[in-house]
């Protein structure tokens, strides 16, 4: 049974722009979002910190401005990742909410399976982190990768400073919930749908979106783990066509990591070392098998959910 056929039957609408046009427009909107978003964030940061705009980026890593860093990074993510897609959805279709696949019907089994996939995916991510570090690089490339990783960790450390429950909750909002919403809207809600429709190939479309999802984090040593995460998220969306489930699994990934860092901080451990922890590669192989099994069950549950929704839709039409 073809999922996209069922969805089109339910939605009764076609995009107003073809896929290449959607992609070109999205790139333009993302570029505008980066320019305008950067100006807005720097302006607010300058007013907040009482410094010139050019001094804001460096001060965002200062522990003194942790709250400012959290707020401004969240705002930047919304302006750069989320707002352009919202604008695109209004231009492309008459029903933006359905265009982004925010579907209302979710089964309890889907939620349980997504939670299980998230935990198994974390094991795979840890094993791929070990594999990523073992890949040899030329000395200059390795030095550049380590420098970029150090900058990435520095920016993360500025936001994961958690001295109490308040900081932990804020970190969950800023580092778990907000990225889960904004990144899923962009990479699954928009880019994956565009690439799958454009290439007419589910795997290729998901792979392209996953590589872009990983690359946008600018972390070489996290490239394979994030690409794998992108593939998992991609297939969850491809099978369920429900962005809420993607947001849930993405939040679980981020939330578990934030919670680990919070516990490590409470125990007096060095957070940067906790961030570097990995798992043996053999465990990752078992995780791959587990994800394949769980995904097959998840697809079956999602297909059944589509049939039920289609039948309900047709009954309502007849009545």
C-alpha atoms as a PDB file:
ATOM      1  CA  UNK A   1       0.000   0.000   0.000  1.00  0.00           C
ATOM      2  CA  UNK A   2       1.459   3.348  -1.027  1.00  0.00           C
ATOM      3  CA  UNK A   3       1.559   5.781   1.858  1.00  0.00           C
ATOM      4  CA  UNK A   4       1.747   8.875  -0.310  1.00  0.00           C
ATOM      5  CA  UNK A   5      -1.313   7.775  -2.296  1.00  0.00           C
ATOM      6  CA  UNK A   6      -3.292   7.494   0.913  1.00  0.00           C
ATOM      7  CA  UNK A   7      -2.083  10.881   2.095  1.00  0.00           C
ATOM      8  CA  UNK A   8      -3.021  12.581  -1.166  1.00  0.00           C
ATOM      9  CA  UNK A   9      -6.475  11.033  -0.931  1.00  0.00           C
ATOM     10  CA  UNK A  10      -6.858  12.479   2.533  1.00  0.00           C
ATOM     11  CA  UNK A  11      -5.530  15.908   1.737  1.00  0.00           C
ATOM     12  CA  UNK A  12      -7.138  16.464  -1.697  1.00  0.00           C
ATOM     13  CA  UNK A  13      -4.610  19.118  -2.592  1.00  0.00           C
ATOM     14  CA  UNK A  14      -1.517  19.560  -4.728  1.00  0.00           C
ATOM     15  CA  UNK A  15       1.372  21.960  -4.068  1.00  0.00           C
ATOM     16  CA  UNK A  16       1.088  25.216  -5.961  1.00  0.00           C
ATOM     17  CA  UNK A  17       4.808  24.997  -6.882  1.00  0.00           C
ATOM     18  CA  UNK A  18       6.777  22.057  -8.255  1.00  0.00           C
ATOM     19  CA  UNK A  19       9.600  20.580  -6.163  1.00  0.00           C
ATOM     20  CA  UNK A  20      12.570  22.347  -7.842  1.00  0.00           C
ATOM     21  CA  UNK A  21      10.736  25.662  -7.423  1.00  0.00           C
ATOM     22  CA  UNK A  22      10.002  24.873  -3.777  1.00  0.00           C
ATOM     23  CA  UNK A  23      13.675  24.087  -3.156  1.00  0.00           C
ATOM     24  CA  UNK A  24      14.873  27.263  -4.881  1.00  0.00           C
ATOM     25  CA  UNK A  25      12.374  29.378  -2.961  1.00  0.00           C
ATOM     26  CA  UNK A  26      13.321  27.701   0.313  1.00  0.00           C
ATOM     27  CA  UNK A  27      17.026  28.408  -0.288  1.00  0.00           C
ATOM     28  CA  UNK A  28      16.202  32.048  -0.946  1.00  0.00           C
ATOM     29  CA  UNK A  29      14.079  32.285   2.193  1.00  0.00           C
ATOM     30  CA  UNK A  30      16.787  30.590   4.273  1.00  0.00           C
ATOM     31  CA  UNK A  31      19.349  33.069   2.977  1.00  0.00           C
ATOM     32  CA  UNK A  32      17.100  36.010   3.817  1.00  0.00           C
ATOM     33  CA  UNK A  33      16.375  34.440   7.204  1.00  0.00           C
ATOM     34  CA  UNK A  34      20.095  34.175   7.965  1.00  0.00           C
ATOM     35  CA  UNK A  35      20.732  37.809   7.081  1.00  0.00           C
ATOM     36  CA  UNK A  36      17.707  39.279   8.859  1.00  0.00           C
ATOM     37  CA  UNK A  37      17.930  36.798  11.736  1.00  0.00           C
ATOM     38  CA  UNK A  38      21.588  37.600  12.328  1.00  0.00           C
ATOM     39  CA  UNK A  39      20.834  41.323  12.432  1.00  0.00           C
ATOM     40  CA  UNK A  40      17.908  40.869  14.843  1.00  0.00           C
ATOM     41  CA  UNK A  41      19.878  38.563  17.162  1.00  0.00           C
ATOM     42  CA  UNK A  42      22.909  40.863  17.240  1.00  0.00           C
ATOM     43  CA  UNK A  43      20.715  43.900  17.843  1.00  0.00           C
ATOM     44  CA  UNK A  44      18.903  42.277  20.761  1.00  0.00           C
ATOM     45  CA  UNK A  45      22.181  40.906  22.115  1.00  0.00           C
ATOM     46  CA  UNK A  46      23.813  44.324  21.969  1.00  0.00           C
ATOM     47  CA  UNK A  47      20.908  45.924  23.842  1.00  0.00           C
ATOM     48  CA  UNK A  48      20.827  43.066  26.396  1.00  0.00           C
ATOM     49  CA  UNK A  49      24.570  43.069  27.096  1.00  0.00           C
ATOM     50  CA  UNK A  50      25.115  46.815  26.606  1.00  0.00           C
ATOM     51  CA  UNK A  51      27.917  46.241  24.110  1.00  0.00           C
ATOM     52  CA  UNK A  52      28.465  46.958  20.390  1.00  0.00           C
ATOM     53  CA  UNK A  53      26.898  44.455  17.994  1.00  0.00           C
ATOM     54  CA  UNK A  54      30.308  43.173  16.859  1.00  0.00           C
ATOM     55  CA  UNK A  55      31.104  42.078  20.433  1.00  0.00           C
ATOM     56  CA  UNK A  56      27.984  39.921  20.867  1.00  0.00           C
ATOM     57  CA  UNK A  57      29.199  36.643  19.230  1.00  0.00           C
ATOM     58  CA  UNK A  58      32.246  36.383  21.514  1.00  0.00           C
ATOM     59  CA  UNK A  59      30.236  37.185  24.646  1.00  0.00           C
ATOM     60  CA  UNK A  60      27.676  34.458  23.928  1.00  0.00           C
ATOM     61  CA  UNK A  61      30.243  31.940  25.221  1.00  0.00           C
ATOM     62  CA  UNK A  62      30.796  33.900  28.434  1.00  0.00           C
ATOM     63  CA  UNK A  63      29.182  32.125  31.444  1.00  0.00           C
ATOM     64  CA  UNK A  64      28.052  35.563  32.607  1.00  0.00           C
ATOM     65  CA  UNK A  65      25.604  35.687  29.708  1.00  0.00           C
ATOM     66  CA  UNK A  66      24.261  32.122  29.808  1.00  0.00           C
ATOM     67  CA  UNK A  67      20.608  33.204  29.758  1.00  0.00           C
ATOM     68  CA  UNK A  68      21.277  35.600  26.887  1.00  0.00           C
ATOM     69  CA  UNK A  69      23.056  32.844  24.966  1.00  0.00           C
ATOM     70  CA  UNK A  70      20.135  30.461  25.432  1.00  0.00           C
ATOM     71  CA  UNK A  71      17.527  33.002  24.362  1.00  0.00           C
ATOM     72  CA  UNK A  72      19.458  34.352  21.380  1.00  0.00           C
ATOM     73  CA  UNK A  73      20.399  30.896  20.068  1.00  0.00           C
ATOM     74  CA  UNK A  74      16.758  29.804  20.288  1.00  0.00           C
ATOM     75  CA  UNK A  75      15.609  32.962  18.520  1.00  0.00           C
ATOM     76  CA  UNK A  76      18.246  32.483  15.814  1.00  0.00           C
ATOM     77  CA  UNK A  77      17.116  28.884  15.259  1.00  0.00           C
ATOM     78  CA  UNK A  78      13.517  30.004  14.853  1.00  0.00           C
ATOM     79  CA  UNK A  79      14.347  32.816  12.448  1.00  0.00           C
ATOM     80  CA  UNK A  80      16.778  30.781  10.330  1.00  0.00           C
ATOM     81  CA  UNK A  81      15.265  27.271  10.386  1.00  0.00           C
ATOM     82  CA  UNK A  82      11.575  27.605  11.144  1.00  0.00           C
ATOM     83  CA  UNK A  83      10.204  30.921   9.868  1.00  0.00           C
ATOM     84  CA  UNK A  84      11.382  30.422   6.239  1.00  0.00           C
ATOM     85  CA  UNK A  85       9.574  27.058   6.107  1.00  0.00           C
ATOM     86  CA  UNK A  86       6.393  28.565   7.526  1.00  0.00           C
ATOM     87  CA  UNK A  87       6.502  31.253   4.842  1.00  0.00           C
ATOM     88  CA  UNK A  88       7.178  28.618   2.160  1.00  0.00           C
ATOM     89  CA  UNK A  89       4.238  26.527   3.357  1.00  0.00           C
ATOM     90  CA  UNK A  90       1.853  29.483   3.013  1.00  0.00           C
ATOM     91  CA  UNK A  91       3.136  30.183  -0.495  1.00  0.00           C
ATOM     92  CA  UNK A  92       3.157  26.545  -1.623  1.00  0.00           C
ATOM     93  CA  UNK A  93      -0.185  25.237  -0.380  1.00  0.00           C
ATOM     94  CA  UNK A  94      -3.578  26.337   0.821  1.00  0.00           C
ATOM     95  CA  UNK A  95      -3.197  24.264   3.972  1.00  0.00           C
ATOM     96  CA  UNK A  96       0.245  24.882   5.591  1.00  0.00           C
ATOM     97  CA  UNK A  97      -0.507  22.721   8.623  1.00  0.00           C
ATOM     98  CA  UNK A  98      -1.072  19.669   6.415  1.00  0.00           C
ATOM     99  CA  UNK A  99       1.829  20.618   4.138  1.00  0.00           C
ATOM    100  CA  UNK A 100       4.178  20.251   7.106  1.00  0.00           C
ATOM    101  CA  UNK A 101       2.432  16.992   8.106  1.00  0.00           C
ATOM    102  CA  UNK A 102       1.254  17.967  11.570  1.00  0.00           C
ATOM    103  CA  UNK A 103      -1.270  15.160  11.681  1.00  0.00           C
ATOM    104  CA  UNK A 104      -3.642  14.733  14.624  1.00  0.00           C
ATOM    105  CA  UNK A 105      -4.048  10.948  14.697  1.00  0.00           C
ATOM    106  CA  UNK A 106      -1.295   9.143  16.623  1.00  0.00           C
ATOM    107  CA  UNK A 107      -1.590   5.686  18.123  1.00  0.00           C
ATOM    108  CA  UNK A 108      -0.184   4.621  21.476  1.00  0.00           C
ATOM    109  CA  UNK A 109       1.829   1.892  19.737  1.00  0.00           C
ATOM    110  CA  UNK A 110       3.479   4.480  17.490  1.00  0.00           C
ATOM    111  CA  UNK A 111       4.535   6.506  20.521  1.00  0.00           C
ATOM    112  CA  UNK A 112       5.900   3.435  22.332  1.00  0.00           C
ATOM    113  CA  UNK A 113       7.809   2.318  19.238  1.00  0.00           C
ATOM    114  CA  UNK A 114       9.254   5.801  18.725  1.00  0.00           C
ATOM    115  CA  UNK A 115      10.513   5.830  22.322  1.00  0.00           C
ATOM    116  CA  UNK A 116      12.142   2.423  21.829  1.00  0.00           C
ATOM    117  CA  UNK A 117      13.696   3.541  18.532  1.00  0.00           C
ATOM    118  CA  UNK A 118      15.096   6.626  20.263  1.00  0.00           C
ATOM    119  CA  UNK A 119      16.882   4.631  22.950  1.00  0.00           C
ATOM    120  CA  UNK A 120      18.286   2.074  20.498  1.00  0.00           C
ATOM    121  CA  UNK A 121      19.308   4.939  18.221  1.00  0.00           C
ATOM    122  CA  UNK A 122      21.338   6.477  21.036  1.00  0.00           C
ATOM    123  CA  UNK A 123      23.368   3.262  21.263  1.00  0.00           C
ATOM    124  CA  UNK A 124      23.972   3.362  17.509  1.00  0.00           C
ATOM    125  CA  UNK A 125      24.941   7.032  17.739  1.00  0.00           C
ATOM    126  CA  UNK A 126      27.520   6.304  20.422  1.00  0.00           C
ATOM    127  CA  UNK A 127      29.054   3.473  18.385  1.00  0.00           C
ATOM    128  CA  UNK A 128      29.208   5.609  15.243  1.00  0.00           C
ATOM    129  CA  UNK A 129      30.922   8.329  17.270  1.00  0.00           C
ATOM    130  CA  UNK A 130      33.668   5.811  18.021  1.00  0.00           C
ATOM    131  CA  UNK A 131      33.860   4.870  14.333  1.00  0.00           C
ATOM    132  CA  UNK A 132      33.903   8.529  13.256  1.00  0.00           C
ATOM    133  CA  UNK A 133      36.942   9.233  15.425  1.00  0.00           C
ATOM    134  CA  UNK A 134      38.772   6.204  14.009  1.00  0.00           C
ATOM    135  CA  UNK A 135      38.560   7.450  10.403  1.00  0.00           C
ATOM    136  CA  UNK A 136      42.023   8.750   9.412  1.00  0.00           C
ATOM    137  CA  UNK A 137      42.390  12.297   8.124  1.00  0.00           C
ATOM    138  CA  UNK A 138      45.338  14.282   6.726  1.00  0.00           C
ATOM    139  CA  UNK A 139      47.070  16.280   9.470  1.00  0.00           C
ATOM    140  CA  UNK A 140      45.797  19.664   8.257  1.00  0.00           C
ATOM    141  CA  UNK A 141      42.221  18.427   7.934  1.00  0.00           C
ATOM    142  CA  UNK A 142      42.389  16.803  11.359  1.00  0.00           C
ATOM    143  CA  UNK A 143      43.669  20.023  12.941  1.00  0.00           C
ATOM    144  CA  UNK A 144      40.882  22.005  11.274  1.00  0.00           C
ATOM    145  CA  UNK A 145      38.280  19.466  12.390  1.00  0.00           C
ATOM    146  CA  UNK A 146      39.526  19.580  15.990  1.00  0.00           C
ATOM    147  CA  UNK A 147      39.471  23.378  15.964  1.00  0.00           C
ATOM    148  CA  UNK A 148      35.893  23.427  14.653  1.00  0.00           C
ATOM    149  CA  UNK A 149      34.903  20.813  17.242  1.00  0.00           C
ATOM    150  CA  UNK A 150      36.441  22.926  20.010  1.00  0.00           C
ATOM    151  CA  UNK A 151      34.409  25.949  18.888  1.00  0.00           C
ATOM    152  CA  UNK A 152      31.262  23.842  18.735  1.00  0.00           C
ATOM    153  CA  UNK A 153      31.834  22.493  22.240  1.00  0.00           C
ATOM    154  CA  UNK A 154      32.538  25.992  23.539  1.00  0.00           C
ATOM    155  CA  UNK A 155      29.194  27.242  22.257  1.00  0.00           C
ATOM    156  CA  UNK A 156      27.418  24.185  23.687  1.00  0.00           C
ATOM    157  CA  UNK A 157      29.127  24.561  27.068  1.00  0.00           C
ATOM    158  CA  UNK A 158      27.799  28.114  27.303  1.00  0.00           C
ATOM    159  CA  UNK A 159      24.240  26.768  27.153  1.00  0.00           C
ATOM    160  CA  UNK A 160      24.578  23.574  29.214  1.00  0.00           C
ATOM    161  CA  UNK A 161      25.755  25.297  32.370  1.00  0.00           C
ATOM    162  CA  UNK A 162      23.212  23.907  34.848  1.00  0.00           C
ATOM    163  CA  UNK A 163      23.539  24.839  38.523  1.00  0.00           C
ATOM    164  CA  UNK A 164      20.029  23.864  39.520  1.00  0.00           C
ATOM    165  CA  UNK A 165      16.572  22.738  38.443  1.00  0.00           C
ATOM    166  CA  UNK A 166      15.812  26.092  36.787  1.00  0.00           C
ATOM    167  CA  UNK A 167      18.873  25.809  34.542  1.00  0.00           C
ATOM    168  CA  UNK A 168      18.026  22.193  33.741  1.00  0.00           C
ATOM    169  CA  UNK A 169      14.482  23.099  32.634  1.00  0.00           C
ATOM    170  CA  UNK A 170      15.773  26.010  30.564  1.00  0.00           C
ATOM    171  CA  UNK A 171      18.370  23.744  28.962  1.00  0.00           C
ATOM    172  CA  UNK A 172      15.637  21.229  28.094  1.00  0.00           C
ATOM    173  CA  UNK A 173      13.656  23.998  26.400  1.00  0.00           C
ATOM    174  CA  UNK A 174      16.609  25.547  24.576  1.00  0.00           C
ATOM    175  CA  UNK A 175      18.671  22.462  23.712  1.00  0.00           C
ATOM    176  CA  UNK A 176      16.008  19.757  23.459  1.00  0.00           C
ATOM    177  CA  UNK A 177      12.542  21.133  22.671  1.00  0.00           C
ATOM    178  CA  UNK A 178      13.380  24.125  20.459  1.00  0.00           C
ATOM    179  CA  UNK A 179      15.849  22.289  18.166  1.00  0.00           C
ATOM    180  CA  UNK A 180      13.457  19.339  17.937  1.00  0.00           C
ATOM    181  CA  UNK A 181      10.659  21.582  16.686  1.00  0.00           C
ATOM    182  CA  UNK A 182      12.624  23.947  14.451  1.00  0.00           C
ATOM    183  CA  UNK A 183      14.967  21.381  12.885  1.00  0.00           C
ATOM    184  CA  UNK A 184      12.222  18.856  12.193  1.00  0.00           C
ATOM    185  CA  UNK A 185      10.104  21.510  10.518  1.00  0.00           C
ATOM    186  CA  UNK A 186      13.011  22.349   8.204  1.00  0.00           C
ATOM    187  CA  UNK A 187      14.680  19.004   7.530  1.00  0.00           C
ATOM    188  CA  UNK A 188      11.729  16.600   7.568  1.00  0.00           C
ATOM    189  CA  UNK A 189       8.716  18.864   7.100  1.00  0.00           C
ATOM    190  CA  UNK A 190      10.261  20.745   4.181  1.00  0.00           C
ATOM    191  CA  UNK A 191      13.565  19.434   2.803  1.00  0.00           C
ATOM    192  CA  UNK A 192      12.843  15.713   3.005  1.00  0.00           C
ATOM    193  CA  UNK A 193       9.422  16.098   1.410  1.00  0.00           C
ATOM    194  CA  UNK A 194      10.945  18.198  -1.368  1.00  0.00           C
ATOM    195  CA  UNK A 195      13.804  15.761  -2.072  1.00  0.00           C
ATOM    196  CA  UNK A 196      11.606  12.643  -1.900  1.00  0.00           C
ATOM    197  CA  UNK A 197       9.080  14.222  -4.250  1.00  0.00           C
ATOM    198  CA  UNK A 198      11.776  15.622  -6.542  1.00  0.00           C
ATOM    199  CA  UNK A 199      13.819  12.396  -6.851  1.00  0.00           C
ATOM    200  CA  UNK A 200      10.767  10.119  -6.594  1.00  0.00           C
ATOM    201  CA  UNK A 201      12.938   7.897  -4.406  1.00  0.00           C
ATOM    202  CA  UNK A 202      12.375   7.604  -0.662  1.00  0.00           C
ATOM    203  CA  UNK A 203      15.890   6.479   0.274  1.00  0.00           C
ATOM    204  CA  UNK A 204      17.680   9.111  -1.816  1.00  0.00           C
ATOM    205  CA  UNK A 205      15.450  11.903  -0.524  1.00  0.00           C
ATOM    206  CA  UNK A 206      15.911  10.815   3.086  1.00  0.00           C
ATOM    207  CA  UNK A 207      19.687  10.418   2.641  1.00  0.00           C
ATOM    208  CA  UNK A 208      20.131  13.905   1.156  1.00  0.00           C
ATOM    209  CA  UNK A 209      18.099  15.488   3.954  1.00  0.00           C
ATOM    210  CA  UNK A 210      20.048  13.468   6.555  1.00  0.00           C
ATOM    211  CA  UNK A 211      23.443  14.537   5.210  1.00  0.00           C
ATOM    212  CA  UNK A 212      22.356  18.182   5.189  1.00  0.00           C
ATOM    213  CA  UNK A 213      20.973  17.766   8.710  1.00  0.00           C
ATOM    214  CA  UNK A 214      24.345  16.486   9.916  1.00  0.00           C
ATOM    215  CA  UNK A 215      26.428  18.970   7.946  1.00  0.00           C
ATOM    216  CA  UNK A 216      24.553  21.996   9.302  1.00  0.00           C
ATOM    217  CA  UNK A 217      25.958  21.249  12.784  1.00  0.00           C
ATOM    218  CA  UNK A 218      29.523  21.796  11.505  1.00  0.00           C
ATOM    219  CA  UNK A 219      30.954  18.952  13.587  1.00  0.00           C
ATOM    220  CA  UNK A 220      33.156  16.427  11.772  1.00  0.00           C
ATOM    221  CA  UNK A 221      33.429  14.076  14.752  1.00  0.00           C
ATOM    222  CA  UNK A 222      29.653  14.000  15.052  1.00  0.00           C
ATOM    223  CA  UNK A 223      28.962  13.650  11.328  1.00  0.00           C
ATOM    224  CA  UNK A 224      28.242   9.904  11.199  1.00  0.00           C
ATOM    225  CA  UNK A 225      26.123   9.835  14.393  1.00  0.00           C
ATOM    226  CA  UNK A 226      24.003  12.764  13.206  1.00  0.00           C
ATOM    227  CA  UNK A 227      23.630  11.319   9.717  1.00  0.00           C
ATOM    228  CA  UNK A 228      22.390   8.076  11.278  1.00  0.00           C
ATOM    229  CA  UNK A 229      20.019  10.077  13.481  1.00  0.00           C
ATOM    230  CA  UNK A 230      18.806  11.879  10.362  1.00  0.00           C
ATOM    231  CA  UNK A 231      18.122   8.549   8.638  1.00  0.00           C
ATOM    232  CA  UNK A 232      16.178   7.277  11.648  1.00  0.00           C
ATOM    233  CA  UNK A 233      14.165  10.478  11.846  1.00  0.00           C
ATOM    234  CA  UNK A 234      13.721  10.400   8.087  1.00  0.00           C
ATOM    235  CA  UNK A 235      12.199   6.931   8.044  1.00  0.00           C
ATOM    236  CA  UNK A 236      10.007   7.658  11.057  1.00  0.00           C
ATOM    237  CA  UNK A 237       8.582  10.564   9.088  1.00  0.00           C
ATOM    238  CA  UNK A 238       8.456   8.649   5.792  1.00  0.00           C
ATOM    239  CA  UNK A 239       6.460   5.816   7.348  1.00  0.00           C
ATOM    240  CA  UNK A 240       4.194   7.883   9.604  1.00  0.00           C
ATOM    241  CA  UNK A 241       3.910  11.179   7.710  1.00  0.00           C
ATOM    242  CA  UNK A 242       3.476  12.780  11.134  1.00  0.00           C
ATOM    243  CA  UNK A 243       5.894  15.491  12.213  1.00  0.00           C
ATOM    244  CA  UNK A 244       4.711  15.267  15.833  1.00  0.00           C
ATOM    245  CA  UNK A 245       6.362  11.850  16.133  1.00  0.00           C
ATOM    246  CA  UNK A 246       9.594  13.250  14.715  1.00  0.00           C
ATOM    247  CA  UNK A 247       9.550  16.092  17.192  1.00  0.00           C
ATOM    248  CA  UNK A 248       9.006  13.565  19.980  1.00  0.00           C
ATOM    249  CA  UNK A 249      11.926  11.317  19.010  1.00  0.00           C
ATOM    250  CA  UNK A 250      14.219  14.309  18.381  1.00  0.00           C
ATOM    251  CA  UNK A 251      13.284  15.757  21.773  1.00  0.00           C
ATOM    252  CA  UNK A 252      14.023  12.403  23.429  1.00  0.00           C
ATOM    253  CA  UNK A 253      17.498  12.285  21.857  1.00  0.00           C
ATOM    254  CA  UNK A 254      18.330  15.819  22.948  1.00  0.00           C
ATOM    255  CA  UNK A 255      16.597  15.525  26.314  1.00  0.00           C
ATOM    256  CA  UNK A 256      18.472  12.366  27.294  1.00  0.00           C
ATOM    257  CA  UNK A 257      21.787  14.051  26.481  1.00  0.00           C
ATOM    258  CA  UNK A 258      20.861  17.197  28.447  1.00  0.00           C
ATOM    259  CA  UNK A 259      19.789  15.021  31.381  1.00  0.00           C
ATOM    260  CA  UNK A 260      23.085  13.101  31.271  1.00  0.00           C
ATOM    261  CA  UNK A 261      25.003  16.373  31.343  1.00  0.00           C
ATOM    262  CA  UNK A 262      22.886  17.674  34.222  1.00  0.00           C
ATOM    263  CA  UNK A 263      23.506  14.521  36.279  1.00  0.00           C
ATOM    264  CA  UNK A 264      27.220  14.633  35.442  1.00  0.00           C
ATOM    265  CA  UNK A 265      27.364  18.259  36.566  1.00  0.00           C
ATOM    266  CA  UNK A 266      25.622  17.391  39.839  1.00  0.00           C
ATOM    267  CA  UNK A 267      28.161  14.602  40.388  1.00  0.00           C
ATOM    268  CA  UNK A 268      31.074  16.941  39.763  1.00  0.00           C
ATOM    269  CA  UNK A 269      32.166  15.313  36.490  1.00  0.00           C
ATOM    270  CA  UNK A 270      33.677  17.281  33.633  1.00  0.00           C
ATOM    271  CA  UNK A 271      30.895  17.922  31.144  1.00  0.00           C
ATOM    272  CA  UNK A 272      33.199  18.068  28.113  1.00  0.00           C
ATOM    273  CA  UNK A 273      34.420  14.528  28.844  1.00  0.00           C
ATOM    274  CA  UNK A 274      30.841  13.295  29.181  1.00  0.00           C
ATOM    275  CA  UNK A 275      30.089  14.797  25.755  1.00  0.00           C
ATOM    276  CA  UNK A 276      32.956  12.736  24.277  1.00  0.00           C
ATOM    277  CA  UNK A 277      31.741   9.384  25.638  1.00  0.00           C
ATOM    278  CA  UNK A 278      31.130   6.699  23.018  1.00  0.00           C
ATOM    279  CA  UNK A 279      30.168   3.029  22.766  1.00  0.00           C
ATOM    280  CA  UNK A 280      31.884  -0.025  21.237  1.00  0.00           C
ATOM    281  CA  UNK A 281      31.268  -0.573  17.551  1.00  0.00           C
ATOM    282  CA  UNK A 282      29.993  -4.151  18.069  1.00  0.00           C
ATOM    283  CA  UNK A 283      27.168  -2.752  20.192  1.00  0.00           C
ATOM    284  CA  UNK A 284      26.276  -0.463  17.318  1.00  0.00           C
ATOM    285  CA  UNK A 285      25.833  -3.486  15.038  1.00  0.00           C
ATOM    286  CA  UNK A 286      23.280  -4.918  17.453  1.00  0.00           C
ATOM    287  CA  UNK A 287      21.596  -1.507  17.548  1.00  0.00           C
ATOM    288  CA  UNK A 288      21.266  -1.528  13.735  1.00  0.00           C
ATOM    289  CA  UNK A 289      19.492  -4.865  13.914  1.00  0.00           C
ATOM    290  CA  UNK A 290      17.206  -3.569  16.653  1.00  0.00           C
ATOM    291  CA  UNK A 291      16.315  -0.444  14.672  1.00  0.00           C
ATOM    292  CA  UNK A 292      15.512  -2.476  11.549  1.00  0.00           C
ATOM    293  CA  UNK A 293      13.130  -4.708  13.514  1.00  0.00           C
ATOM    294  CA  UNK A 294      11.495  -1.767  15.292  1.00  0.00           C
ATOM    295  CA  UNK A 295      11.133   0.162  12.034  1.00  0.00           C
ATOM    296  CA  UNK A 296       9.365  -2.752  10.354  1.00  0.00           C
ATOM    297  CA  UNK A 297       6.871  -2.912  13.208  1.00  0.00           C
ATOM    298  CA  UNK A 298       6.520   0.881  13.157  1.00  0.00           C
ATOM    299  CA  UNK A 299       5.780   0.857   9.409  1.00  0.00           C
ATOM    300  CA  UNK A 300       3.098  -1.788   9.874  1.00  0.00           C
ATOM    301  CA  UNK A 301       1.470   0.231  12.648  1.00  0.00           C
ATOM    302  CA  UNK A 302       1.628   3.432  10.595  1.00  0.00           C
ATOM    303  CA  UNK A 303       0.150   1.737   7.504  1.00  0.00           C
ATOM    304  CA  UNK A 304      -2.712   0.436   9.628  1.00  0.00           C
ATOM    305  CA  UNK A 305      -3.205   3.939  11.043  1.00  0.00           C
ATOM    306  CA  UNK A 306      -3.431   5.360   7.498  1.00  0.00           C
ATOM    307  CA  UNK A 307      -6.079   2.814   6.494  1.00  0.00           C
ATOM    308  CA  UNK A 308      -8.153   3.647   9.567  1.00  0.00           C
ATOM    309  CA  UNK A 309      -7.830   7.371   8.894  1.00  0.00           C
ATOM    310  CA  UNK A 310      -8.717   6.945   5.224  1.00  0.00           C
ATOM    311  CA  UNK A 311     -11.809   4.903   6.069  1.00  0.00           C
ATOM    312  CA  UNK A 312     -12.870   7.468   8.677  1.00  0.00           C
ATOM    313  CA  UNK A 313     -12.362  10.297   6.168  1.00  0.00           C
ATOM    314  CA  UNK A 314     -14.511   8.576   3.532  1.00  0.00           C
ATOM    315  CA  UNK A 315     -17.266   7.830   6.043  1.00  0.00           C
ATOM    316  CA  UNK A 316     -17.379  11.498   7.012  1.00  0.00           C
ATOM    317  CA  UNK A 317     -17.517  12.475   3.332  1.00  0.00           C
ATOM    318  CA  UNK A 318     -20.469  10.142   2.733  1.00  0.00           C
ATOM    319  CA  UNK A 319     -22.307  11.423   5.804  1.00  0.00           C
END
